[in-house]
Amino acid sequence: MNVLFAVSSLALLSAPPQSPDVNYLPAALHEQLACAPQMLPSAPPAGIRVIGNDQPGRTLFGTHDGIIIGAGSAQGIKVGQQFFVRRLVKDQFIGGDTAASGAVSVHTAGWVTAVDVREKESIAQVTHACDGIINGDYLEAYVDPADPPSAVQGEPDFEHAGRIVMGDERRQMGSAGTLMVVDKGSDADVRPGQTVTIFRDTMEGGGPVSGVGRATVVSVRPESAILRIDSTRDAIFIGDRVAINRITR
């Protein structure tokens, strides 16, 4: 019975996918990685925060705006330093034990550069806004993301499949070109550049799998990985299954 299901699955997955409507230029992917969401095993410690700018009452900021951050030379801030601007998002995870593990969703709002530093506060300019930066967002040292290697093909490992557990900032679905998070990472031998098969079980797990898309692993943490959706036959939803394509010898 399992052999029959496996043959049926391969036949279904070999059907030509829809053409991806997405820009795959390296520069576009690099910027997308810098703006990528994160799934962390626990909330990060409270750190430097955005506290406003020179316009009283303003709370939303974009590229080239100046902002005040609640740290200065006393905290080691120096002119020219760059920082990611991020915020915790109250999200609902689906799949595995992610929800019970205390994992949190983090949205990357952009990054800033310190331009004027005082003892306890600093002025920073928004270098790039992935989205609006708001008062209360926290800062982390900017680290330029590493681009993934060329896509690695292989056969989908359905036996050790993971699950898509997060989009960016509460998004529940994705399409070609978007980033989503899977609950498998380097601890499960997931590596950047691997191709993955996105699928859904049928007949409560007793029937053939229904392939809905392909993606590439673009960034990896120990317990999670970021996927860039390459092509789809349907919208990709939180909860869809993910089989890592592995080269077997």
C-alpha atoms as a PDB file:
ATOM      1  CA  MET A   1       0.000   0.000   0.000  1.00  0.00           C
ATOM      2  CA  ASN A   2       2.828   2.427   0.881  1.00  0.00           C
ATOM      3  CA  VAL A   3       4.524   1.739  -2.465  1.00  0.00           C
ATOM      4  CA  LEU A   4       1.287   2.576  -4.304  1.00  0.00           C
ATOM      5  CA  PHE A   5       0.967   5.840  -2.390  1.00  0.00           C
ATOM      6  CA  ALA A   6       4.594   6.711  -3.062  1.00  0.00           C
ATOM      7  CA  VAL A   7       4.175   6.160  -6.811  1.00  0.00           C
ATOM      8  CA  SER A   8       0.973   8.221  -6.810  1.00  0.00           C
ATOM      9  CA  SER A   9       2.724  10.995  -4.922  1.00  0.00           C
ATOM     10  CA  LEU A  10       5.639  11.149  -7.313  1.00  0.00           C
ATOM     11  CA  ALA A  11       3.309  11.293 -10.288  1.00  0.00           C
ATOM     12  CA  LEU A  12       1.374  14.132  -8.725  1.00  0.00           C
ATOM     13  CA  LEU A  13       4.481  16.050  -7.746  1.00  0.00           C
ATOM     14  CA  SER A  14       6.016  15.718 -11.207  1.00  0.00           C
ATOM     15  CA  ALA A  15       3.214  17.764 -12.804  1.00  0.00           C
ATOM     16  CA  PRO A  16       4.564  21.097 -14.081  1.00  0.00           C
ATOM     17  CA  PRO A  17       4.137  23.862 -11.493  1.00  0.00           C
ATOM     18  CA  GLN A  18       2.811  27.279 -12.282  1.00  0.00           C
ATOM     19  CA  SER A  19       5.448  29.719 -13.489  1.00  0.00           C
ATOM     20  CA  PRO A  20       6.686  31.766 -10.540  1.00  0.00           C
ATOM     21  CA  ASP A  21       5.852  35.450 -10.813  1.00  0.00           C
ATOM     22  CA  VAL A  22       8.811  36.762  -8.844  1.00  0.00           C
ATOM     23  CA  ASN A  23      12.060  38.664  -9.221  1.00  0.00           C
ATOM     24  CA  TYR A  24      14.993  36.337  -8.476  1.00  0.00           C
ATOM     25  CA  LEU A  25      17.779  38.882  -9.000  1.00  0.00           C
ATOM     26  CA  PRO A  26      20.483  38.339  -6.341  1.00  0.00           C
ATOM     27  CA  ALA A  27      20.126  41.926  -5.089  1.00  0.00           C
ATOM     28  CA  ALA A  28      16.403  41.438  -4.541  1.00  0.00           C
ATOM     29  CA  LEU A  29      16.964  38.193  -2.605  1.00  0.00           C
ATOM     30  CA  HIS A  30      19.677  39.796  -0.447  1.00  0.00           C
ATOM     31  CA  GLU A  31      17.373  42.637   0.559  1.00  0.00           C
ATOM     32  CA  GLN A  32      14.582  40.154   1.207  1.00  0.00           C
ATOM     33  CA  LEU A  33      16.858  38.178   3.538  1.00  0.00           C
ATOM     34  CA  ALA A  34      17.771  41.332   5.458  1.00  0.00           C
ATOM     35  CA  CYS A  35      14.046  42.044   5.923  1.00  0.00           C
ATOM     36  CA  ALA A  36      13.178  38.412   6.747  1.00  0.00           C
ATOM     37  CA  PRO A  37      11.038  37.465   9.757  1.00  0.00           C
ATOM     38  CA  GLN A  38      12.478  35.297  12.511  1.00  0.00           C
ATOM     39  CA  MET A  39      11.159  32.553  14.731  1.00  0.00           C
ATOM     40  CA  LEU A  40      13.106  32.512  17.999  1.00  0.00           C
ATOM     41  CA  PRO A  41      12.871  29.849  20.726  1.00  0.00           C
ATOM     42  CA  SER A  42      12.099  32.567  23.297  1.00  0.00           C
ATOM     43  CA  ALA A  43      11.661  36.330  23.506  1.00  0.00           C
ATOM     44  CA  PRO A  44      14.904  38.295  23.159  1.00  0.00           C
ATOM     45  CA  PRO A  45      16.026  40.376  26.174  1.00  0.00           C
ATOM     46  CA  ALA A  46      14.752  43.938  26.353  1.00  0.00           C
ATOM     47  CA  GLY A  47      17.284  46.202  24.662  1.00  0.00           C
ATOM     48  CA  ILE A  48      17.666  49.553  22.938  1.00  0.00           C
ATOM     49  CA  ARG A  49      14.341  51.001  21.813  1.00  0.00           C
ATOM     50  CA  VAL A  50      13.084  53.562  19.319  1.00  0.00           C
ATOM     51  CA  ILE A  51      11.646  56.413  21.410  1.00  0.00           C
ATOM     52  CA  GLY A  52      10.553  58.998  18.819  1.00  0.00           C
ATOM     53  CA  ASN A  53      12.047  61.850  16.815  1.00  0.00           C
ATOM     54  CA  ASP A  54      12.045  65.655  16.833  1.00  0.00           C
ATOM     55  CA  GLN A  55       8.339  65.853  15.921  1.00  0.00           C
ATOM     56  CA  PRO A  56       6.180  65.486  19.060  1.00  0.00           C
ATOM     57  CA  GLY A  57       3.541  62.814  18.735  1.00  0.00           C
ATOM     58  CA  ARG A  58       5.006  61.155  15.648  1.00  0.00           C
ATOM     59  CA  THR A  59       5.244  57.377  16.022  1.00  0.00           C
ATOM     60  CA  LEU A  60       5.793  55.995  12.477  1.00  0.00           C
ATOM     61  CA  PHE A  61       9.031  56.358  10.503  1.00  0.00           C
ATOM     62  CA  GLY A  62      10.382  55.388   7.075  1.00  0.00           C
ATOM     63  CA  THR A  63      13.532  55.474   4.964  1.00  0.00           C
ATOM     64  CA  HIS A  64      15.721  58.589   5.516  1.00  0.00           C
ATOM     65  CA  ASP A  65      13.771  59.688   8.613  1.00  0.00           C
ATOM     66  CA  GLY A  66      15.726  60.558  11.739  1.00  0.00           C
ATOM     67  CA  ILE A  67      14.776  58.746  14.946  1.00  0.00           C
ATOM     68  CA  ILE A  68      15.822  58.930  18.584  1.00  0.00           C
ATOM     69  CA  ILE A  69      17.058  55.716  20.205  1.00  0.00           C
ATOM     70  CA  GLY A  70      17.223  55.236  23.938  1.00  0.00           C
ATOM     71  CA  ALA A  71      20.961  54.547  24.233  1.00  0.00           C
ATOM     72  CA  GLY A  72      24.166  56.469  23.693  1.00  0.00           C
ATOM     73  CA  SER A  73      27.895  56.455  24.343  1.00  0.00           C
ATOM     74  CA  ALA A  74      27.288  55.113  27.863  1.00  0.00           C
ATOM     75  CA  GLN A  75      25.953  51.946  26.212  1.00  0.00           C
ATOM     76  CA  GLY A  76      28.759  51.796  23.652  1.00  0.00           C
ATOM     77  CA  ILE A  77      26.899  53.349  20.712  1.00  0.00           C
ATOM     78  CA  LYS A  78      29.195  54.959  18.122  1.00  0.00           C
ATOM     79  CA  VAL A  79      28.569  57.121  15.064  1.00  0.00           C
ATOM     80  CA  GLY A  80      28.294  54.949  11.961  1.00  0.00           C
ATOM     81  CA  GLN A  81      27.043  51.823  13.737  1.00  0.00           C
ATOM     82  CA  GLN A  82      24.162  50.041  12.022  1.00  0.00           C
ATOM     83  CA  PHE A  83      21.297  48.279  13.739  1.00  0.00           C
ATOM     84  CA  PHE A  84      18.372  46.129  12.694  1.00  0.00           C
ATOM     85  CA  VAL A  85      15.034  47.439  13.943  1.00  0.00           C
ATOM     86  CA  ARG A  86      12.714  44.628  15.012  1.00  0.00           C
ATOM     87  CA  ARG A  87       9.531  43.982  16.970  1.00  0.00           C
ATOM     88  CA  LEU A  88       7.868  41.037  18.665  1.00  0.00           C
ATOM     89  CA  VAL A  89       4.626  39.972  17.029  1.00  0.00           C
ATOM     90  CA  LYS A  90       1.826  38.205  18.875  1.00  0.00           C
ATOM     91  CA  ASP A  91       1.405  35.321  16.484  1.00  0.00           C
ATOM     92  CA  GLN A  92      -0.264  31.922  16.507  1.00  0.00           C
ATOM     93  CA  PHE A  93       1.910  29.015  15.426  1.00  0.00           C
ATOM     94  CA  ILE A  94       0.535  25.860  13.894  1.00  0.00           C
ATOM     95  CA  GLY A  95       2.328  22.548  13.744  1.00  0.00           C
ATOM     96  CA  GLY A  96       4.525  20.354  15.902  1.00  0.00           C
ATOM     97  CA  ASP A  97       5.352  21.536  19.399  1.00  0.00           C
ATOM     98  CA  THR A  98       6.208  25.078  18.308  1.00  0.00           C
ATOM     99  CA  ALA A  99       3.340  26.749  20.164  1.00  0.00           C
ATOM    100  CA  ALA A 100       4.119  24.890  23.385  1.00  0.00           C
ATOM    101  CA  SER A 101       7.865  25.563  23.226  1.00  0.00           C
ATOM    102  CA  GLY A 102       7.603  29.304  23.924  1.00  0.00           C
ATOM    103  CA  ALA A 103       8.716  30.263  20.405  1.00  0.00           C
ATOM    104  CA  VAL A 104       8.112  33.859  19.356  1.00  0.00           C
ATOM    105  CA  SER A 105       7.620  35.661  16.037  1.00  0.00           C
ATOM    106  CA  VAL A 106       9.884  38.606  15.216  1.00  0.00           C
ATOM    107  CA  HIS A 107       9.223  41.135  12.428  1.00  0.00           C
ATOM    108  CA  THR A 108      12.135  43.040  10.864  1.00  0.00           C
ATOM    109  CA  ALA A 109      11.025  46.632  10.269  1.00  0.00           C
ATOM    110  CA  GLY A 110      14.301  47.842   8.731  1.00  0.00           C
ATOM    111  CA  TRP A 111      17.753  49.032   9.725  1.00  0.00           C
ATOM    112  CA  VAL A 112      19.259  52.320  10.871  1.00  0.00           C
ATOM    113  CA  THR A 113      22.639  54.068  11.147  1.00  0.00           C
ATOM    114  CA  ALA A 114      23.725  56.106  14.171  1.00  0.00           C
ATOM    115  CA  VAL A 115      24.571  59.675  13.074  1.00  0.00           C
ATOM    116  CA  ASP A 116      24.790  61.642  16.355  1.00  0.00           C
ATOM    117  CA  VAL A 117      25.610  60.090  19.710  1.00  0.00           C
ATOM    118  CA  ARG A 118      25.121  61.640  23.151  1.00  0.00           C
ATOM    119  CA  GLU A 119      25.653  59.997  26.529  1.00  0.00           C
ATOM    120  CA  LYS A 120      22.220  58.417  26.981  1.00  0.00           C
ATOM    121  CA  GLU A 121      20.426  58.974  23.663  1.00  0.00           C
ATOM    122  CA  SER A 122      21.390  58.936  19.985  1.00  0.00           C
ATOM    123  CA  ILE A 123      20.030  60.069  16.661  1.00  0.00           C
ATOM    124  CA  ALA A 124      19.879  57.424  13.939  1.00  0.00           C
ATOM    125  CA  GLN A 125      18.789  57.688  10.318  1.00  0.00           C
ATOM    126  CA  VAL A 126      16.581  55.019   8.803  1.00  0.00           C
ATOM    127  CA  THR A 127      18.831  53.430   6.183  1.00  0.00           C
ATOM    128  CA  HIS A 128      16.136  51.104   4.876  1.00  0.00           C
ATOM    129  CA  ALA A 129      12.533  50.472   5.899  1.00  0.00           C
ATOM    130  CA  CYS A 130      11.170  47.001   5.207  1.00  0.00           C
ATOM    131  CA  ASP A 131       7.948  48.310   6.722  1.00  0.00           C
ATOM    132  CA  GLY A 132       7.058  51.226   8.983  1.00  0.00           C
ATOM    133  CA  ILE A 133       9.310  51.587  12.032  1.00  0.00           C
ATOM    134  CA  ILE A 134       7.357  52.487  15.169  1.00  0.00           C
ATOM    135  CA  ASN A 135       8.067  53.692  18.690  1.00  0.00           C
ATOM    136  CA  GLY A 136       8.962  50.768  20.932  1.00  0.00           C
ATOM    137  CA  ASP A 137      10.694  48.708  18.243  1.00  0.00           C
ATOM    138  CA  TYR A 138      13.978  47.279  19.510  1.00  0.00           C
ATOM    139  CA  LEU A 139      17.467  47.393  17.970  1.00  0.00           C
ATOM    140  CA  GLU A 140      19.994  44.643  17.317  1.00  0.00           C
ATOM    141  CA  ALA A 141      23.468  44.910  15.799  1.00  0.00           C
ATOM    142  CA  TYR A 142      23.229  44.743  12.010  1.00  0.00           C
ATOM    143  CA  VAL A 143      24.805  41.648  10.471  1.00  0.00           C
ATOM    144  CA  ASP A 144      24.743  41.432   6.681  1.00  0.00           C
ATOM    145  CA  PRO A 145      22.875  38.206   5.788  1.00  0.00           C
ATOM    146  CA  ALA A 146      24.712  35.497   3.869  1.00  0.00           C
ATOM    147  CA  ASP A 147      23.238  34.636   0.480  1.00  0.00           C
ATOM    148  CA  PRO A 148      22.321  30.940   0.114  1.00  0.00           C
ATOM    149  CA  PRO A 149      24.279  28.712  -2.291  1.00  0.00           C
ATOM    150  CA  SER A 150      22.767  27.527  -5.560  1.00  0.00           C
ATOM    151  CA  ALA A 151      19.697  25.349  -5.139  1.00  0.00           C
ATOM    152  CA  VAL A 152      20.437  21.713  -4.323  1.00  0.00           C
ATOM    153  CA  GLN A 153      18.048  19.220  -5.880  1.00  0.00           C
ATOM    154  CA  GLY A 154      17.183  15.747  -4.585  1.00  0.00           C
ATOM    155  CA  GLU A 155      14.261  13.549  -3.593  1.00  0.00           C
ATOM    156  CA  PRO A 156      11.712  14.740  -1.007  1.00  0.00           C
ATOM    157  CA  ASP A 157      12.117  13.158   2.433  1.00  0.00           C
ATOM    158  CA  PHE A 158       8.447  12.734   3.364  1.00  0.00           C
ATOM    159  CA  GLU A 159       9.277  10.549   6.377  1.00  0.00           C
ATOM    160  CA  HIS A 160      10.901  13.438   8.267  1.00  0.00           C
ATOM    161  CA  ALA A 161       8.695  16.257   7.006  1.00  0.00           C
ATOM    162  CA  GLY A 162       8.333  19.537   8.847  1.00  0.00           C
ATOM    163  CA  ARG A 163       5.556  22.089   8.798  1.00  0.00           C
ATOM    164  CA  ILE A 164       5.233  25.736   7.798  1.00  0.00           C
ATOM    165  CA  VAL A 165       4.547  27.496  11.075  1.00  0.00           C
ATOM    166  CA  MET A 166       4.906  31.206  10.379  1.00  0.00           C
ATOM    167  CA  GLY A 167       4.578  33.960   7.826  1.00  0.00           C
ATOM    168  CA  ASP A 168       5.716  37.524   8.411  1.00  0.00           C
ATOM    169  CA  GLU A 169       3.728  39.601  10.910  1.00  0.00           C
ATOM    170  CA  ARG A 170       0.689  37.298  11.271  1.00  0.00           C
ATOM    171  CA  ARG A 171       0.400  36.438   7.563  1.00  0.00           C
ATOM    172  CA  GLN A 172      -1.328  33.082   7.208  1.00  0.00           C
ATOM    173  CA  MET A 173      -0.567  32.379   3.549  1.00  0.00           C
ATOM    174  CA  GLY A 174       2.168  32.850   0.952  1.00  0.00           C
ATOM    175  CA  SER A 175       2.806  32.743  -2.778  1.00  0.00           C
ATOM    176  CA  ALA A 176       5.777  32.643  -5.160  1.00  0.00           C
ATOM    177  CA  GLY A 177       8.486  35.011  -3.971  1.00  0.00           C
ATOM    178  CA  THR A 178       7.384  35.272  -0.332  1.00  0.00           C
ATOM    179  CA  LEU A 179       9.283  34.063   2.730  1.00  0.00           C
ATOM    180  CA  MET A 180       7.840  31.623   5.262  1.00  0.00           C
ATOM    181  CA  VAL A 181       9.260  29.744   8.248  1.00  0.00           C
ATOM    182  CA  VAL A 182       9.418  25.959   8.694  1.00  0.00           C
ATOM    183  CA  ASP A 183       9.903  24.205  12.053  1.00  0.00           C
ATOM    184  CA  LYS A 184      13.016  22.306  10.937  1.00  0.00           C
ATOM    185  CA  GLY A 185      16.527  23.727  11.122  1.00  0.00           C
ATOM    186  CA  SER A 186      20.179  22.772  11.364  1.00  0.00           C
ATOM    187  CA  ASP A 187      19.345  20.420  14.240  1.00  0.00           C
ATOM    188  CA  ALA A 188      17.437  18.367  11.613  1.00  0.00           C
ATOM    189  CA  ASP A 189      20.263  18.643   9.046  1.00  0.00           C
ATOM    190  CA  VAL A 190      18.549  21.412   7.063  1.00  0.00           C
ATOM    191  CA  ARG A 191      21.004  23.587   5.140  1.00  0.00           C
ATOM    192  CA  PRO A 192      20.782  26.773   3.046  1.00  0.00           C
ATOM    193  CA  GLY A 193      20.295  26.069  -0.642  1.00  0.00           C
ATOM    194  CA  GLN A 194      18.261  22.887  -0.189  1.00  0.00           C
ATOM    195  CA  THR A 195      15.119  22.563  -2.282  1.00  0.00           C
ATOM    196  CA  VAL A 196      11.928  21.582  -0.468  1.00  0.00           C
ATOM    197  CA  THR A 197       8.610  20.135  -1.542  1.00  0.00           C
ATOM    198  CA  ILE A 198       5.491  21.656   0.045  1.00  0.00           C
ATOM    199  CA  PHE A 199       2.579  19.238   0.299  1.00  0.00           C
ATOM    200  CA  ARG A 200      -0.635  18.311   2.086  1.00  0.00           C
ATOM    201  CA  ASP A 201      -1.723  14.911   3.343  1.00  0.00           C
ATOM    202  CA  THR A 202      -4.933  13.376   2.019  1.00  0.00           C
ATOM    203  CA  MET A 203      -7.384  10.891   3.522  1.00  0.00           C
ATOM    204  CA  GLU A 204      -6.214  11.826   7.046  1.00  0.00           C
ATOM    205  CA  GLY A 205      -2.677  10.778   6.188  1.00  0.00           C
ATOM    206  CA  GLY A 206      -3.633   7.482   4.571  1.00  0.00           C
ATOM    207  CA  GLY A 207      -3.728   8.658   0.959  1.00  0.00           C
ATOM    208  CA  PRO A 208      -1.211  10.093  -1.494  1.00  0.00           C
ATOM    209  CA  VAL A 209       0.331  13.450  -0.720  1.00  0.00           C
ATOM    210  CA  SER A 210      -0.912  16.470  -2.645  1.00  0.00           C
ATOM    211  CA  GLY A 211       1.982  18.626  -3.832  1.00  0.00           C
ATOM    212  CA  VAL A 212       1.264  22.355  -3.669  1.00  0.00           C
ATOM    213  CA  GLY A 213       4.624  24.000  -4.271  1.00  0.00           C
ATOM    214  CA  ARG A 214       8.393  24.159  -4.213  1.00  0.00           C
ATOM    215  CA  ALA A 215      10.706  26.376  -2.187  1.00  0.00           C
ATOM    216  CA  THR A 216      14.376  26.932  -1.378  1.00  0.00           C
ATOM    217  CA  VAL A 217      15.931  27.132   2.079  1.00  0.00           C
ATOM    218  CA  VAL A 218      17.557  30.575   2.272  1.00  0.00           C
ATOM    219  CA  SER A 219      18.467  30.876   5.966  1.00  0.00           C
ATOM    220  CA  VAL A 220      18.778  28.394   8.832  1.00  0.00           C
ATOM    221  CA  ARG A 221      18.673  28.496  12.630  1.00  0.00           C
ATOM    222  CA  PRO A 222      19.021  25.439  14.912  1.00  0.00           C
ATOM    223  CA  GLU A 223      15.254  24.899  15.259  1.00  0.00           C
ATOM    224  CA  SER A 224      13.822  26.656  12.198  1.00  0.00           C
ATOM    225  CA  ALA A 225      14.566  27.722   8.634  1.00  0.00           C
ATOM    226  CA  ILE A 226      13.357  30.428   6.271  1.00  0.00           C
ATOM    227  CA  LEU A 227      11.980  29.310   2.913  1.00  0.00           C
ATOM    228  CA  ARG A 228      11.566  31.385  -0.224  1.00  0.00           C
ATOM    229  CA  ILE A 229       8.589  30.065  -2.182  1.00  0.00           C
ATOM    230  CA  ASP A 230       9.689  29.305  -5.768  1.00  0.00           C
ATOM    231  CA  SER A 231       6.497  28.033  -7.401  1.00  0.00           C
ATOM    232  CA  THR A 232       2.984  27.011  -6.354  1.00  0.00           C
ATOM    233  CA  ARG A 233      -0.090  25.180  -7.584  1.00  0.00           C
ATOM    234  CA  ASP A 234      -2.189  26.752  -4.827  1.00  0.00           C
ATOM    235  CA  ALA A 235      -1.754  29.304  -2.063  1.00  0.00           C
ATOM    236  CA  ILE A 236       0.672  28.134   0.623  1.00  0.00           C
ATOM    237  CA  PHE A 237      -0.881  28.131   4.092  1.00  0.00           C
ATOM    238  CA  ILE A 238       0.411  27.981   7.646  1.00  0.00           C
ATOM    239  CA  GLY A 239       0.256  24.276   8.541  1.00  0.00           C
ATOM    240  CA  ASP A 240       1.264  22.936   5.117  1.00  0.00           C
ATOM    241  CA  ARG A 241       3.857  20.147   5.274  1.00  0.00           C
ATOM    242  CA  VAL A 242       7.446  20.493   4.036  1.00  0.00           C
ATOM    243  CA  ALA A 243       9.683  17.648   2.814  1.00  0.00           C
ATOM    244  CA  ILE A 244      13.368  18.518   2.492  1.00  0.00           C
ATOM    245  CA  ASN A 245      14.761  17.300  -0.822  1.00  0.00           C
ATOM    246  CA  ARG A 246      17.871  15.261  -0.082  1.00  0.00           C
ATOM    247  CA  ILE A 247      20.433  13.685  -2.385  1.00  0.00           C
ATOM    248  CA  THR A 248      20.606   9.952  -1.669  1.00  0.00           C
ATOM    249  CA  ARG A 249      23.604   7.807  -2.477  1.00  0.00           C
END
